[in-house]
Protein backbone atom coordinates (compact mmCIF):
# COMPACT_ATOMS: atom_id res chain seq x y z
CA MET A 1 -109.18 -113.94 29.32
CA GLY A 2 -112.68 -112.37 28.80
CA ASP A 3 -114.17 -111.09 25.61
CA GLU A 4 -113.52 -107.45 26.52
CA GLU A 5 -109.81 -108.00 27.20
CA HIS A 6 -109.48 -110.02 23.99
CA GLY A 7 -111.13 -107.24 22.00
CA ASP A 8 -108.85 -104.62 23.52
CA SER A 9 -105.84 -106.68 22.65
CA LEU A 10 -106.86 -107.00 19.02
CA ALA A 11 -107.64 -103.28 18.89
CA ASP A 12 -104.24 -102.40 20.27
CA GLN A 13 -102.50 -104.65 17.80
CA ALA A 14 -104.50 -103.16 14.96
CA ALA A 15 -103.60 -99.63 16.09
CA ALA A 16 -99.88 -100.49 16.37
CA TRP A 17 -99.68 -102.28 13.01
CA ILE A 18 -97.55 -100.50 10.37
CA PRO A 19 -97.87 -101.33 6.69
CA PRO A 20 -94.77 -102.89 5.10
CA TRP A 21 -94.26 -100.01 2.65
CA ALA A 22 -93.99 -97.55 5.51
CA ARG A 23 -91.77 -99.54 7.81
CA HIS A 24 -88.42 -98.37 6.27
CA ARG A 25 -89.28 -94.77 7.03
CA GLU A 26 -89.47 -95.38 10.73
CA PRO A 27 -86.18 -95.25 12.64
CA SER A 28 -85.18 -98.47 14.23
CA THR A 29 -85.24 -98.44 18.00
CA GLN A 30 -83.57 -101.82 18.47
CA PRO A 31 -79.90 -101.79 19.59
CA VAL A 32 -77.37 -102.69 16.90
CA GLU A 33 -75.01 -105.47 17.80
CA VAL A 34 -71.37 -104.65 17.08
CA PRO A 35 -69.38 -107.72 16.11
CA THR A 36 -66.20 -108.32 18.05
CA THR A 37 -63.02 -110.10 17.13
CA GLU A 38 -63.40 -112.56 19.98
CA THR A 39 -64.95 -115.86 19.05
CA ALA A 40 -67.60 -117.32 21.31
CA THR A 41 -67.60 -120.97 22.08
CA GLN A 42 -70.71 -122.82 21.12
CA PRO A 43 -72.41 -124.99 23.67
CA GLY A 44 -71.29 -128.11 21.85
CA GLY A 45 -67.64 -127.24 22.54
CA GLU A 46 -66.80 -126.58 18.87
CA ASP A 47 -65.39 -123.24 17.83
CA PRO A 48 -67.34 -121.65 15.02
CA SER A 49 -65.43 -120.51 11.95
CA PRO A 50 -64.39 -116.86 12.20
CA GLY A 51 -66.47 -114.39 10.33
CA PRO A 52 -65.25 -111.91 7.73
CA THR A 53 -64.43 -109.24 10.29
CA ALA A 54 -62.33 -111.59 12.45
CA ALA A 55 -60.46 -112.93 9.39
CA ALA A 56 -59.67 -109.41 8.25
CA ALA A 57 -58.41 -108.49 11.70
CA THR A 58 -56.25 -111.62 11.82
CA ASP A 59 -54.75 -110.85 8.39
CA ALA A 60 -53.99 -107.28 9.42
CA ALA A 61 -52.22 -108.42 12.57
CA THR A 62 -50.04 -110.96 10.73
CA PRO A 63 -46.96 -109.30 9.11
CA THR A 64 -46.54 -109.92 5.39
CA PRO A 65 -43.01 -110.96 4.37
CA ARG A 66 -41.33 -108.43 2.03
CA LYS A 67 -39.96 -109.66 -1.26
CA PRO A 68 -36.44 -108.58 -2.12
CA ALA A 69 -36.20 -105.92 -4.79
CA THR A 70 -34.82 -107.13 -8.08
CA GLY A 71 -34.06 -103.89 -9.94
CA GLY A 72 -32.95 -101.51 -7.19
CA PRO A 73 -29.56 -101.02 -5.57
CA PRO A 74 -28.33 -103.68 -3.15
CA GLU A 75 -29.39 -103.36 0.46
CA ARG A 76 -26.90 -102.04 2.93
CA GLY A 77 -25.02 -104.60 4.90
CA ARG A 78 -25.15 -107.25 2.17
CA PRO A 79 -21.74 -108.13 0.66
CA ARG A 80 -21.35 -107.35 -3.02
CA GLN A 81 -20.62 -110.17 -5.38
CA ARG A 82 -17.07 -110.07 -6.72
CA VAL A 83 -16.54 -110.27 -10.45
CA PRO A 84 -14.38 -113.31 -11.15
CA SER A 85 -10.99 -112.44 -12.59
CA PRO A 86 -10.14 -113.82 -16.02
CA PRO A 87 -8.20 -117.08 -15.97
CA PRO A 88 -4.44 -116.73 -16.48
CA ALA A 89 -3.00 -117.43 -19.89
CA PRO A 90 -1.75 -120.99 -20.31
CA LEU A 91 2.00 -121.44 -20.09
CA LEU A 92 3.71 -122.48 -23.31
CA ASP A 93 6.06 -125.41 -23.22
CA ASP A 94 9.74 -124.77 -23.82
CA ALA A 95 9.70 -125.86 -27.46
CA GLU A 96 6.73 -123.66 -28.37
CA LEU A 97 8.10 -120.66 -26.46
CA ARG A 98 11.49 -121.03 -28.15
CA GLY A 99 9.89 -121.22 -31.60
CA ALA A 100 7.68 -118.19 -30.97
CA LEU A 101 10.62 -116.08 -29.80
CA GLU A 102 12.76 -117.07 -32.79
CA ALA A 103 9.93 -116.22 -35.20
CA ILE A 104 9.50 -112.76 -33.72
CA LEU A 105 13.23 -112.03 -33.60
CA LEU A 106 13.57 -112.86 -37.30
CA VAL A 107 11.19 -110.05 -38.34
CA VAL A 108 12.12 -107.22 -35.94
CA ASP A 109 14.11 -104.29 -37.35
CA GLU A 110 15.38 -103.07 -33.99
CA PRO A 111 16.09 -104.63 -30.59
CA VAL A 112 12.90 -105.66 -28.80
CA ALA A 113 12.61 -105.52 -25.02
CA GLU A 114 11.92 -108.56 -22.88
CA THR A 115 8.73 -106.99 -21.47
CA THR A 116 7.36 -106.48 -24.98
CA LEU A 117 7.98 -110.11 -25.84
CA ALA A 118 6.38 -111.22 -22.58
CA ASP A 119 3.26 -109.13 -23.28
CA VAL A 120 2.91 -110.46 -26.82
CA LEU A 121 3.29 -114.08 -25.76
CA ALA A 122 1.37 -113.64 -22.47
CA GLN A 123 4.19 -115.29 -20.54
CA PRO A 124 6.04 -114.27 -17.37
CA PRO A 125 8.95 -111.89 -18.12
CA GLU A 126 11.36 -114.02 -16.04
CA ARG A 127 10.63 -117.08 -18.16
CA VAL A 128 11.06 -115.12 -21.40
CA ARG A 129 14.37 -113.70 -20.18
CA GLU A 130 15.67 -117.14 -19.25
CA MET A 131 14.64 -118.60 -22.61
CA LEU A 132 16.37 -115.77 -24.50
CA ARG A 133 19.58 -116.49 -22.65
CA THR A 134 19.22 -120.20 -23.42
CA ILE A 135 18.72 -119.48 -27.12
CA SER A 136 21.75 -117.15 -27.17
CA THR A 137 23.94 -119.76 -25.49
CA GLY A 138 22.72 -122.44 -27.90
CA TYR A 139 23.55 -120.33 -30.97
CA THR A 140 27.06 -119.66 -29.67
CA ALA A 141 27.70 -123.29 -28.81
CA GLY A 142 26.33 -124.46 -32.17
CA GLY A 143 28.76 -122.30 -34.18
CA HIS A 144 26.05 -120.57 -36.22
CA GLY A 145 26.88 -117.61 -38.45
CA PHE A 146 24.52 -115.45 -36.38
CA GLU A 147 24.03 -114.83 -32.70
CA LEU A 148 21.34 -113.54 -30.39
CA ARG A 149 22.70 -110.55 -28.54
CA ARG A 150 21.32 -108.01 -26.12
CA ALA A 151 21.84 -104.42 -27.29
CA ALA A 152 20.13 -101.04 -26.87
CA GLY A 153 17.88 -102.38 -24.11
CA GLY A 154 16.55 -105.30 -26.15
CA TRP A 155 17.34 -108.49 -28.05
CA ARG A 156 18.08 -108.96 -31.75
CA LEU A 157 19.80 -111.36 -34.10
CA TYR A 158 23.18 -110.25 -35.45
CA THR A 159 25.77 -111.79 -37.74
CA ARG A 160 28.98 -112.91 -36.09
CA PRO A 161 32.01 -110.62 -36.33
CA GLU A 162 34.15 -113.30 -37.98
CA TYR A 163 31.76 -113.30 -40.95
CA ALA A 164 31.50 -109.53 -41.25
CA GLY A 165 33.72 -109.44 -44.36
CA TYR A 166 31.40 -111.73 -46.28
CA VAL A 167 28.34 -109.80 -45.20
CA GLU A 168 29.87 -106.45 -46.19
CA ARG A 169 30.86 -107.84 -49.58
CA PHE A 170 27.29 -109.03 -50.16
CA VAL A 171 25.52 -105.92 -48.87
CA LEU A 172 27.84 -103.15 -50.05
CA ASP A 173 29.09 -104.86 -53.22
CA GLY A 174 32.56 -103.42 -52.81
CA GLN A 175 31.42 -99.95 -51.73
CA THR A 176 32.08 -98.75 -48.22
CA VAL A 177 30.50 -95.69 -46.69
CA ARG A 178 32.50 -94.27 -43.83
CA LEU A 179 31.94 -91.27 -41.59
CA THR A 180 34.29 -88.36 -42.01
CA GLN A 181 36.56 -87.20 -39.22
CA ALA A 182 34.28 -84.21 -38.63
CA ALA A 183 31.24 -86.48 -38.35
CA LEU A 184 33.02 -88.77 -35.89
CA GLU A 185 34.07 -85.83 -33.72
CA THR A 186 30.55 -84.38 -33.73
CA LEU A 187 29.06 -87.76 -32.91
CA ALA A 188 31.47 -88.11 -29.98
CA VAL A 189 30.44 -84.69 -28.62
CA VAL A 190 26.76 -85.58 -28.85
CA SER A 191 27.22 -88.99 -27.23
CA TYR A 192 29.09 -87.64 -24.19
CA LYS A 193 27.25 -84.29 -23.78
CA GLN A 194 23.69 -85.30 -24.70
CA PRO A 195 21.25 -83.74 -24.70
CA VAL A 196 23.16 -80.86 -26.28
CA THR A 197 22.34 -77.92 -28.54
CA ARG A 198 23.84 -77.23 -31.95
CA SER A 199 25.58 -74.07 -30.71
CA ARG A 200 27.17 -76.01 -27.86
CA ILE A 201 28.51 -78.61 -30.31
CA SER A 202 29.96 -75.88 -32.54
CA ALA A 203 31.54 -74.18 -29.51
CA ILE A 204 33.23 -77.40 -28.39
CA ARG A 205 34.56 -78.23 -31.87
CA GLY A 206 35.36 -74.62 -32.78
CA VAL A 207 33.67 -74.81 -36.19
CA ASN A 208 30.15 -74.68 -37.59
CA CYS A 209 28.54 -78.12 -37.40
CA ASP A 210 25.21 -77.58 -39.20
CA GLY A 211 26.09 -79.73 -42.21
CA VAL A 212 27.60 -82.51 -40.13
CA ILE A 213 24.56 -82.62 -37.85
CA ARG A 214 22.26 -82.98 -40.87
CA THR A 215 24.41 -85.86 -42.11
CA LEU A 216 24.25 -87.65 -38.74
CA ILE A 217 20.48 -87.18 -38.60
CA SER A 218 20.08 -88.62 -42.11
CA ARG A 219 22.19 -91.62 -41.10
CA GLY A 220 19.90 -92.19 -38.10
CA LEU A 221 22.71 -91.82 -35.56
CA ILE A 222 21.36 -88.72 -33.74
CA GLU A 223 17.91 -87.20 -33.36
CA GLU A 224 16.12 -84.20 -31.87
CA CYS A 225 14.84 -84.61 -28.31
CA GLY A 226 13.04 -81.40 -27.39
CA ALA A 227 14.19 -77.85 -26.83
CA GLU A 228 16.28 -76.04 -24.25
CA PRO A 229 14.05 -74.20 -21.74
CA ASP A 230 16.06 -70.96 -21.72
CA SER A 231 16.92 -70.40 -25.39
CA GLY A 232 14.40 -72.70 -27.11
CA ALA A 233 17.19 -74.24 -29.21
CA HIS A 234 16.82 -77.84 -30.38
CA LEU A 235 18.49 -80.54 -28.30
CA TYR A 236 20.15 -83.59 -29.85
CA ARG A 237 20.90 -87.09 -28.56
CA THR A 238 22.09 -90.41 -29.95
CA THR A 239 19.64 -93.01 -31.25
CA THR A 240 19.09 -96.72 -30.77
CA LEU A 241 20.93 -97.34 -34.04
CA PHE A 242 23.99 -95.65 -32.55
CA LEU A 243 23.95 -98.14 -29.65
CA GLU A 244 23.53 -101.04 -32.06
CA LYS A 245 26.47 -99.95 -34.20
CA LEU A 246 28.71 -99.70 -31.15
CA GLY A 247 27.33 -102.88 -29.56
CA LEU A 248 26.20 -101.10 -26.39
CA ASP A 249 23.19 -101.84 -24.22
CA SER A 250 22.80 -98.25 -22.96
CA ILE A 251 24.62 -94.95 -23.12
CA THR A 252 26.12 -95.60 -19.70
CA ASP A 253 28.26 -98.34 -21.25
CA LEU A 254 30.36 -95.78 -23.12
CA PRO A 255 34.01 -95.91 -22.09
CA PRO A 256 35.20 -93.11 -19.77
CA LEU A 257 36.46 -90.05 -21.62
CA ALA A 258 39.29 -89.10 -19.26
CA PRO A 259 41.91 -91.57 -20.63
CA PHE A 260 41.46 -90.11 -24.14
CA LEU A 261 41.95 -86.47 -23.14
CA PRO A 262 45.37 -84.79 -23.54
CA ASP A 263 47.39 -84.02 -20.46
CA ASP A 264 47.15 -80.25 -20.97
CA VAL A 265 43.37 -80.21 -21.42
CA GLU A 266 42.93 -77.76 -18.55
CA ASP A 267 45.46 -75.36 -20.10
CA LEU A 268 43.68 -75.60 -23.42
CA ALA A 269 40.34 -74.90 -21.77
CA ASP A 270 41.74 -71.83 -20.00
CA ALA A 271 43.30 -70.55 -23.22
CA SER A 272 40.00 -70.84 -25.08
CA ARG A 273 38.18 -68.64 -22.55
């Protein structure tokens, strides 16, 4: 290359030179390379490590496993966990069950039902019923002065009839309290017609029964049991004590009334109308 061409080349380079402080103001004319997610293979056969853009794309394409919620409601389709039921109460042996029943029966003041005893002792009702019968049979066979008897829908200890005279002598001290004939008649009307109003009792007996009814209530033999829907009058019925005194389990055990009625009862009923 001659001197002239070399001089022109230097002049051109000098004219095209841009100071460093002015270079950022000039727009770049070079094409910008856009990185791709594909990884090129180097000539040596080794794959280069992916760059930040490729790693981010790979992470975005990979699904992230969801953690199960801990505080929210259970997901649909999943079976709910069942709450374990409390363990059953342990069964008492025969000796302990017998002793527990005897202890309770000594302190009750009225017949207690088998279901109540079963609930208190947490034992099956069938086993309690069988043990009560065993105890009753044992008392009878042993010749005790008391017996376990079923009355008024429950069980209670009673003194034996053959020792009633001694018991009455001790309790009453020679004094006996008996119901009058009027009280017995009123009690019979209530027992067979219950629930019955006071006016109905007076109509059957033919006399006023207010005083007798108060006496029977004070003795605990009858009690109020609501009111009649039409008139609003008080209704009366017999009590548990009444069943105990007569040795009955329920009111259905009363003897039939027909054999005790007079032969001309129908004529008497027609005459009273």
